[in-house]
């Protein structure tokens, strides 16, 4: 068994080396495959990856044009060869030491997909923006209403998939719309088993490099409607 860890990177010169080292040290019961996808960083991220990280990771892919997180994940998923695939942001907000608890339901053949929830755990959380928290919960609630799931954290970075599941899904969104899109699409897979596992969270401020903003929240709302309604129409046509 092998876990493919896809790390989308954009302008993370201060954290990319640290996150790779943390991922390499993370305790796991199975082998790791690290895949970095640099989404055309404009700072020194690419130089750091080429000079310091090329010998540490399995695969490095460079986009020649900035496209967004969804596009980087699409590239990384296509390159993954592990039995399980997980997303790891490069900004140190999520702790790779929690990989094992995320993939255990899959290893035990209880789950096909596992979401790491920031809102369903007793783990430490950095206290930051009130309206971000409200927005995340609102988007999760709306997503649940359309998908008929009972997730507590749809917008989480930590999503682990059996590789055959993620490989069967066409990812269309290039930016942060990936989260509601993938949720809508996996919710419609017949017989799929979705679990959540509580995780810690050490969020960043905008001064520290946080990139997601209110426009991404509006785009996520549109994606919830777009993909859930589309999936519903397709299901009705099949029936």
C-alpha atoms as a PDB file:
ATOM      1  CA  UNK A   1       0.000   0.000   0.000  1.00  0.00           C
ATOM      2  CA  UNK A   2       1.134   3.539  -0.753  1.00  0.00           C
ATOM      3  CA  UNK A   3      -0.134   7.044   0.033  1.00  0.00           C
ATOM      4  CA  UNK A   4       0.277   9.711  -2.645  1.00  0.00           C
ATOM      5  CA  UNK A   5       0.512  13.172  -1.082  1.00  0.00           C
ATOM      6  CA  UNK A   6      -0.266  15.933  -3.577  1.00  0.00           C
ATOM      7  CA  UNK A   7       1.088  19.349  -2.564  1.00  0.00           C
ATOM      8  CA  UNK A   8      -0.168  22.269  -4.682  1.00  0.00           C
ATOM      9  CA  UNK A   9       2.197  25.225  -4.342  1.00  0.00           C
ATOM     10  CA  UNK A  10       1.944  28.890  -5.287  1.00  0.00           C
ATOM     11  CA  UNK A  11       4.332  31.499  -3.849  1.00  0.00           C
ATOM     12  CA  UNK A  12       5.213  29.518  -0.726  1.00  0.00           C
ATOM     13  CA  UNK A  13       8.936  30.285  -0.507  1.00  0.00           C
ATOM     14  CA  UNK A  14       8.822  30.582   3.296  1.00  0.00           C
ATOM     15  CA  UNK A  15       7.000  27.294   3.934  1.00  0.00           C
ATOM     16  CA  UNK A  16       7.451  24.836   1.067  1.00  0.00           C
ATOM     17  CA  UNK A  17      10.658  23.277   2.408  1.00  0.00           C
ATOM     18  CA  UNK A  18       9.225  23.062   5.925  1.00  0.00           C
ATOM     19  CA  UNK A  19       6.064  21.299   4.776  1.00  0.00           C
ATOM     20  CA  UNK A  20       8.010  18.765   2.719  1.00  0.00           C
ATOM     21  CA  UNK A  21      10.200  17.951   5.723  1.00  0.00           C
ATOM     22  CA  UNK A  22       7.113  17.578   7.929  1.00  0.00           C
ATOM     23  CA  UNK A  23       5.458  15.282   5.404  1.00  0.00           C
ATOM     24  CA  UNK A  24       8.607  13.154   5.145  1.00  0.00           C
ATOM     25  CA  UNK A  25       8.757  12.802   8.939  1.00  0.00           C
ATOM     26  CA  UNK A  26       5.049  12.060   9.364  1.00  0.00           C
ATOM     27  CA  UNK A  27       4.496   8.622  10.933  1.00  0.00           C
ATOM     28  CA  UNK A  28       2.664   6.296   8.543  1.00  0.00           C
ATOM     29  CA  UNK A  29       1.990   2.578   8.360  1.00  0.00           C
ATOM     30  CA  UNK A  30       2.323   2.613   4.549  1.00  0.00           C
ATOM     31  CA  UNK A  31       4.774   4.052   2.013  1.00  0.00           C
ATOM     32  CA  UNK A  32       4.641   7.686   0.853  1.00  0.00           C
ATOM     33  CA  UNK A  33       4.799   9.270  -2.580  1.00  0.00           C
ATOM     34  CA  UNK A  34       5.259  13.055  -2.500  1.00  0.00           C
ATOM     35  CA  UNK A  35       4.113  15.038  -5.538  1.00  0.00           C
ATOM     36  CA  UNK A  36       4.694  18.798  -5.727  1.00  0.00           C
ATOM     37  CA  UNK A  37       2.814  20.849  -8.320  1.00  0.00           C
ATOM     38  CA  UNK A  38       4.120  24.403  -8.543  1.00  0.00           C
ATOM     39  CA  UNK A  39       1.432  26.591 -10.103  1.00  0.00           C
ATOM     40  CA  UNK A  40       3.850  29.039 -11.752  1.00  0.00           C
ATOM     41  CA  UNK A  41       5.075  30.733  -8.570  1.00  0.00           C
ATOM     42  CA  UNK A  42       6.433  34.245  -9.056  1.00  0.00           C
ATOM     43  CA  UNK A  43       8.677  34.297  -5.963  1.00  0.00           C
ATOM     44  CA  UNK A  44      11.623  32.001  -5.123  1.00  0.00           C
ATOM     45  CA  UNK A  45       9.489  28.891  -4.623  1.00  0.00           C
ATOM     46  CA  UNK A  46      10.563  27.239  -7.878  1.00  0.00           C
ATOM     47  CA  UNK A  47      14.258  27.797  -7.143  1.00  0.00           C
ATOM     48  CA  UNK A  48      13.869  26.257  -3.685  1.00  0.00           C
ATOM     49  CA  UNK A  49      12.034  23.244  -5.102  1.00  0.00           C
ATOM     50  CA  UNK A  50      14.653  22.669  -7.792  1.00  0.00           C
ATOM     51  CA  UNK A  51      17.707  23.213  -5.590  1.00  0.00           C
ATOM     52  CA  UNK A  52      16.623  21.732  -2.238  1.00  0.00           C
ATOM     53  CA  UNK A  53      13.652  19.442  -2.712  1.00  0.00           C
ATOM     54  CA  UNK A  54      14.150  17.578  -5.980  1.00  0.00           C
ATOM     55  CA  UNK A  55      16.005  14.744  -4.240  1.00  0.00           C
ATOM     56  CA  UNK A  56      13.394  14.449  -1.472  1.00  0.00           C
ATOM     57  CA  UNK A  57      10.171  14.006  -3.408  1.00  0.00           C
ATOM     58  CA  UNK A  58       8.960  11.496  -5.972  1.00  0.00           C
ATOM     59  CA  UNK A  59       7.634  13.933  -8.577  1.00  0.00           C
ATOM     60  CA  UNK A  60       7.836  17.663  -9.262  1.00  0.00           C
ATOM     61  CA  UNK A  61       5.610  19.294 -11.862  1.00  0.00           C
ATOM     62  CA  UNK A  62       5.793  22.946 -12.885  1.00  0.00           C
ATOM     63  CA  UNK A  63       2.907  24.804 -14.470  1.00  0.00           C
ATOM     64  CA  UNK A  64       4.119  27.378 -16.968  1.00  0.00           C
ATOM     65  CA  UNK A  65       1.016  29.495 -16.357  1.00  0.00           C
ATOM     66  CA  UNK A  66      -0.755  30.196 -13.071  1.00  0.00           C
ATOM     67  CA  UNK A  67      -4.111  28.414 -13.145  1.00  0.00           C
ATOM     68  CA  UNK A  68      -5.227  27.909  -9.550  1.00  0.00           C
ATOM     69  CA  UNK A  69      -5.391  25.252  -6.837  1.00  0.00           C
ATOM     70  CA  UNK A  70      -7.942  23.097  -8.626  1.00  0.00           C
ATOM     71  CA  UNK A  71      -5.766  22.946 -11.730  1.00  0.00           C
ATOM     72  CA  UNK A  72      -2.704  22.048  -9.648  1.00  0.00           C
ATOM     73  CA  UNK A  73      -4.631  19.234  -7.949  1.00  0.00           C
ATOM     74  CA  UNK A  74      -5.888  17.960 -11.293  1.00  0.00           C
ATOM     75  CA  UNK A  75      -2.273  17.693 -12.444  1.00  0.00           C
ATOM     76  CA  UNK A  76      -1.137  16.074  -9.199  1.00  0.00           C
ATOM     77  CA  UNK A  77      -3.943  13.512  -9.097  1.00  0.00           C
ATOM     78  CA  UNK A  78      -3.141  12.453 -12.660  1.00  0.00           C
ATOM     79  CA  UNK A  79       0.476  11.804 -11.621  1.00  0.00           C
ATOM     80  CA  UNK A  80      -0.376   9.877  -8.440  1.00  0.00           C
ATOM     81  CA  UNK A  81       0.287   6.134  -8.304  1.00  0.00           C
ATOM     82  CA  UNK A  82      -0.604   5.428  -4.662  1.00  0.00           C
ATOM     83  CA  UNK A  83      -3.535   3.349  -3.466  1.00  0.00           C
ATOM     84  CA  UNK A  84      -4.741   6.370  -1.476  1.00  0.00           C
ATOM     85  CA  UNK A  85      -4.389  10.034  -2.480  1.00  0.00           C
ATOM     86  CA  UNK A  86      -4.468  12.964  -0.053  1.00  0.00           C
ATOM     87  CA  UNK A  87      -4.203  16.740  -0.472  1.00  0.00           C
ATOM     88  CA  UNK A  88      -1.636  18.679   1.566  1.00  0.00           C
ATOM     89  CA  UNK A  89      -1.481  22.480   1.342  1.00  0.00           C
ATOM     90  CA  UNK A  90       1.993  23.995   1.499  1.00  0.00           C
ATOM     91  CA  UNK A  91       1.200  26.714   4.030  1.00  0.00           C
ATOM     92  CA  UNK A  92       1.602  24.842   7.360  1.00  0.00           C
ATOM     93  CA  UNK A  93      -2.075  25.244   8.324  1.00  0.00           C
ATOM     94  CA  UNK A  94      -2.578  21.460   8.398  1.00  0.00           C
ATOM     95  CA  UNK A  95      -0.480  18.919  10.295  1.00  0.00           C
ATOM     96  CA  UNK A  96       0.890  15.926   8.327  1.00  0.00           C
ATOM     97  CA  UNK A  97       1.238  13.993  11.596  1.00  0.00           C
ATOM     98  CA  UNK A  98      -2.517  13.446  11.294  1.00  0.00           C
ATOM     99  CA  UNK A  99      -2.297  11.535   7.982  1.00  0.00           C
ATOM    100  CA  UNK A 100      -2.601   8.166   9.711  1.00  0.00           C
ATOM    101  CA  UNK A 101      -5.907   8.975  11.415  1.00  0.00           C
ATOM    102  CA  UNK A 102      -7.256  10.260   8.112  1.00  0.00           C
ATOM    103  CA  UNK A 103      -6.410   7.184   6.073  1.00  0.00           C
ATOM    104  CA  UNK A 104      -7.204   4.554   8.747  1.00  0.00           C
ATOM    105  CA  UNK A 105     -10.913   4.277   7.763  1.00  0.00           C
ATOM    106  CA  UNK A 106      -9.795   3.562   4.187  1.00  0.00           C
ATOM    107  CA  UNK A 107      -7.142   1.065   5.259  1.00  0.00           C
ATOM    108  CA  UNK A 108      -9.747  -0.715   7.394  1.00  0.00           C
ATOM    109  CA  UNK A 109     -12.092  -0.846   4.372  1.00  0.00           C
ATOM    110  CA  UNK A 110     -14.707   1.282   6.091  1.00  0.00           C
ATOM    111  CA  UNK A 111     -14.415   4.332   3.835  1.00  0.00           C
ATOM    112  CA  UNK A 112     -13.657   5.336   0.259  1.00  0.00           C
ATOM    113  CA  UNK A 113     -13.228   9.043   1.037  1.00  0.00           C
ATOM    114  CA  UNK A 114     -12.271  10.767   4.304  1.00  0.00           C
ATOM    115  CA  UNK A 115     -12.618  14.478   5.052  1.00  0.00           C
ATOM    116  CA  UNK A 116     -10.531  16.027   7.820  1.00  0.00           C
ATOM    117  CA  UNK A 117     -12.850  18.259   9.814  1.00  0.00           C
ATOM    118  CA  UNK A 118     -11.616  21.349  11.625  1.00  0.00           C
ATOM    119  CA  UNK A 119     -14.981  21.684  13.360  1.00  0.00           C
ATOM    120  CA  UNK A 120     -15.476  18.146  14.657  1.00  0.00           C
ATOM    121  CA  UNK A 121     -12.430  17.634  16.845  1.00  0.00           C
ATOM    122  CA  UNK A 122     -10.960  18.412  20.225  1.00  0.00           C
ATOM    123  CA  UNK A 123      -7.654  19.352  18.588  1.00  0.00           C
ATOM    124  CA  UNK A 124      -6.009  22.783  18.989  1.00  0.00           C
ATOM    125  CA  UNK A 125      -7.156  25.534  16.645  1.00  0.00           C
ATOM    126  CA  UNK A 126      -5.682  28.966  16.095  1.00  0.00           C
ATOM    127  CA  UNK A 127      -8.306  31.670  16.695  1.00  0.00           C
ATOM    128  CA  UNK A 128      -8.621  33.934  13.652  1.00  0.00           C
ATOM    129  CA  UNK A 129     -11.381  35.402  11.499  1.00  0.00           C
ATOM    130  CA  UNK A 130     -15.006  35.189  12.689  1.00  0.00           C
ATOM    131  CA  UNK A 131     -16.530  35.744   9.249  1.00  0.00           C
ATOM    132  CA  UNK A 132     -14.319  33.105   7.665  1.00  0.00           C
ATOM    133  CA  UNK A 133     -15.677  30.605  10.164  1.00  0.00           C
ATOM    134  CA  UNK A 134     -19.250  31.709   9.474  1.00  0.00           C
ATOM    135  CA  UNK A 135     -18.647  31.495   5.723  1.00  0.00           C
ATOM    136  CA  UNK A 136     -17.161  28.001   5.962  1.00  0.00           C
ATOM    137  CA  UNK A 137     -20.077  26.734   8.001  1.00  0.00           C
ATOM    138  CA  UNK A 138     -22.619  28.366   5.700  1.00  0.00           C
ATOM    139  CA  UNK A 139     -21.042  26.875   2.576  1.00  0.00           C
ATOM    140  CA  UNK A 140     -20.878  23.469   4.249  1.00  0.00           C
ATOM    141  CA  UNK A 141     -24.557  23.697   5.227  1.00  0.00           C
ATOM    142  CA  UNK A 142     -25.622  24.679   1.701  1.00  0.00           C
ATOM    143  CA  UNK A 143     -23.481  21.918   0.215  1.00  0.00           C
ATOM    144  CA  UNK A 144     -25.075  19.412   2.580  1.00  0.00           C
ATOM    145  CA  UNK A 145     -28.567  20.592   1.657  1.00  0.00           C
ATOM    146  CA  UNK A 146     -27.948  19.841  -2.001  1.00  0.00           C
ATOM    147  CA  UNK A 147     -25.761  16.738  -1.637  1.00  0.00           C
ATOM    148  CA  UNK A 148     -27.721  15.200   1.278  1.00  0.00           C
ATOM    149  CA  UNK A 149     -24.493  14.672   3.228  1.00  0.00           C
ATOM    150  CA  UNK A 150     -23.925  15.686   6.855  1.00  0.00           C
ATOM    151  CA  UNK A 151     -20.360  16.962   6.640  1.00  0.00           C
ATOM    152  CA  UNK A 152     -19.134  19.484   9.184  1.00  0.00           C
ATOM    153  CA  UNK A 153     -16.299  20.901   7.020  1.00  0.00           C
ATOM    154  CA  UNK A 154     -16.736  20.757   3.255  1.00  0.00           C
ATOM    155  CA  UNK A 155     -14.038  23.394   2.653  1.00  0.00           C
ATOM    156  CA  UNK A 156     -11.263  21.487   4.421  1.00  0.00           C
ATOM    157  CA  UNK A 157      -7.959  20.927   2.652  1.00  0.00           C
ATOM    158  CA  UNK A 158      -7.554  17.425   4.045  1.00  0.00           C
ATOM    159  CA  UNK A 159      -9.427  15.065   1.754  1.00  0.00           C
ATOM    160  CA  UNK A 160      -8.214  11.482   1.290  1.00  0.00           C
ATOM    161  CA  UNK A 161      -9.490   9.308  -1.547  1.00  0.00           C
ATOM    162  CA  UNK A 162      -9.062   5.800  -2.811  1.00  0.00           C
ATOM    163  CA  UNK A 163      -7.165   6.487  -6.025  1.00  0.00           C
ATOM    164  CA  UNK A 164      -9.768   4.831  -8.224  1.00  0.00           C
ATOM    165  CA  UNK A 165     -12.381   7.239  -6.836  1.00  0.00           C
ATOM    166  CA  UNK A 166     -10.488  10.444  -7.551  1.00  0.00           C
ATOM    167  CA  UNK A 167      -9.268   9.095 -10.891  1.00  0.00           C
ATOM    168  CA  UNK A 168     -12.873   8.538 -11.997  1.00  0.00           C
ATOM    169  CA  UNK A 169     -13.856  12.179 -11.465  1.00  0.00           C
ATOM    170  CA  UNK A 170     -13.275  14.947 -13.996  1.00  0.00           C
ATOM    171  CA  UNK A 171     -12.133  18.052 -12.096  1.00  0.00           C
ATOM    172  CA  UNK A 172     -13.323  21.146 -13.932  1.00  0.00           C
ATOM    173  CA  UNK A 173     -12.670  23.966 -11.466  1.00  0.00           C
ATOM    174  CA  UNK A 174      -9.267  25.660 -11.608  1.00  0.00           C
ATOM    175  CA  UNK A 175      -9.433  27.601  -8.347  1.00  0.00           C
ATOM    176  CA  UNK A 176     -10.915  27.009  -4.895  1.00  0.00           C
ATOM    177  CA  UNK A 177     -14.182  25.826  -6.438  1.00  0.00           C
ATOM    178  CA  UNK A 178     -12.553  22.388  -6.339  1.00  0.00           C
ATOM    179  CA  UNK A 179     -13.904  21.802  -2.818  1.00  0.00           C
ATOM    180  CA  UNK A 180     -17.659  22.087  -3.538  1.00  0.00           C
ATOM    181  CA  UNK A 181     -17.218  20.514  -6.965  1.00  0.00           C
ATOM    182  CA  UNK A 182     -15.521  17.363  -5.686  1.00  0.00           C
ATOM    183  CA  UNK A 183     -18.012  17.096  -2.832  1.00  0.00           C
ATOM    184  CA  UNK A 184     -20.982  17.291  -5.196  1.00  0.00           C
ATOM    185  CA  UNK A 185     -19.488  14.693  -7.505  1.00  0.00           C
ATOM    186  CA  UNK A 186     -18.467  12.115  -4.907  1.00  0.00           C
ATOM    187  CA  UNK A 187     -21.851  12.446  -3.185  1.00  0.00           C
ATOM    188  CA  UNK A 188     -23.488  11.057  -6.337  1.00  0.00           C
ATOM    189  CA  UNK A 189     -21.291   7.980  -6.630  1.00  0.00           C
ATOM    190  CA  UNK A 190     -23.484   5.007  -5.877  1.00  0.00           C
ATOM    191  CA  UNK A 191     -22.478   3.133  -2.739  1.00  0.00           C
ATOM    192  CA  UNK A 192     -19.623   5.465  -1.797  1.00  0.00           C
ATOM    193  CA  UNK A 193     -18.600   5.521   1.859  1.00  0.00           C
ATOM    194  CA  UNK A 194     -17.622   8.944   3.199  1.00  0.00           C
ATOM    195  CA  UNK A 195     -16.110   9.480   6.653  1.00  0.00           C
ATOM    196  CA  UNK A 196     -14.875  12.486   8.626  1.00  0.00           C
ATOM    197  CA  UNK A 197     -11.945  12.593  11.045  1.00  0.00           C
ATOM    198  CA  UNK A 198     -11.270  15.465  13.440  1.00  0.00           C
ATOM    199  CA  UNK A 199      -8.074  17.425  12.760  1.00  0.00           C
ATOM    200  CA  UNK A 200      -6.189  20.384  14.223  1.00  0.00           C
ATOM    201  CA  UNK A 201      -5.833  23.683  12.379  1.00  0.00           C
ATOM    202  CA  UNK A 202      -3.244  26.459  12.504  1.00  0.00           C
ATOM    203  CA  UNK A 203      -4.667  29.094  10.164  1.00  0.00           C
ATOM    204  CA  UNK A 204      -2.714  31.927   8.615  1.00  0.00           C
ATOM    205  CA  UNK A 205      -3.498  35.635   8.497  1.00  0.00           C
ATOM    206  CA  UNK A 206      -3.450  37.543   5.215  1.00  0.00           C
ATOM    207  CA  UNK A 207      -0.160  39.125   6.319  1.00  0.00           C
ATOM    208  CA  UNK A 208       1.245  35.608   6.618  1.00  0.00           C
ATOM    209  CA  UNK A 209       0.190  34.706   3.099  1.00  0.00           C
ATOM    210  CA  UNK A 210      -3.424  33.505   3.235  1.00  0.00           C
ATOM    211  CA  UNK A 211      -4.860  33.692  -0.291  1.00  0.00           C
ATOM    212  CA  UNK A 212      -8.542  32.789  -0.164  1.00  0.00           C
ATOM    213  CA  UNK A 213     -10.923  35.754  -0.018  1.00  0.00           C
ATOM    214  CA  UNK A 214     -14.589  36.708  -0.207  1.00  0.00           C
ATOM    215  CA  UNK A 215     -14.660  36.354  -3.992  1.00  0.00           C
ATOM    216  CA  UNK A 216     -13.690  32.714  -3.579  1.00  0.00           C
ATOM    217  CA  UNK A 217     -16.603  32.309  -1.175  1.00  0.00           C
ATOM    218  CA  UNK A 218     -19.006  33.672  -3.790  1.00  0.00           C
ATOM    219  CA  UNK A 219     -17.467  31.363  -6.402  1.00  0.00           C
ATOM    220  CA  UNK A 220     -17.873  28.412  -4.015  1.00  0.00           C
ATOM    221  CA  UNK A 221     -21.561  29.238  -3.608  1.00  0.00           C
ATOM    222  CA  UNK A 222     -21.975  29.217  -7.374  1.00  0.00           C
ATOM    223  CA  UNK A 223     -20.135  25.890  -7.613  1.00  0.00           C
ATOM    224  CA  UNK A 224     -22.418  24.330  -4.990  1.00  0.00           C
ATOM    225  CA  UNK A 225     -25.427  25.207  -7.120  1.00  0.00           C
ATOM    226  CA  UNK A 226     -23.797  24.392 -10.428  1.00  0.00           C
ATOM    227  CA  UNK A 227     -22.437  20.945  -9.685  1.00  0.00           C
ATOM    228  CA  UNK A 228     -25.136  19.670  -7.367  1.00  0.00           C
ATOM    229  CA  UNK A 229     -27.949  20.659  -9.712  1.00  0.00           C
ATOM    230  CA  UNK A 230     -26.066  19.212 -12.669  1.00  0.00           C
ATOM    231  CA  UNK A 231     -25.441  15.933 -10.857  1.00  0.00           C
ATOM    232  CA  UNK A 232     -29.136  15.773  -9.900  1.00  0.00           C
ATOM    233  CA  UNK A 233     -30.238  16.274 -13.507  1.00  0.00           C
ATOM    234  CA  UNK A 234     -27.868  13.557 -14.701  1.00  0.00           C
ATOM    235  CA  UNK A 235     -29.127  11.141 -12.074  1.00  0.00           C
ATOM    236  CA  UNK A 236     -32.731  11.786 -13.132  1.00  0.00           C
ATOM    237  CA  UNK A 237     -31.875  11.159 -16.787  1.00  0.00           C
ATOM    238  CA  UNK A 238     -30.239   7.843 -15.872  1.00  0.00           C
ATOM    239  CA  UNK A 239     -33.319   6.832 -13.886  1.00  0.00           C
END
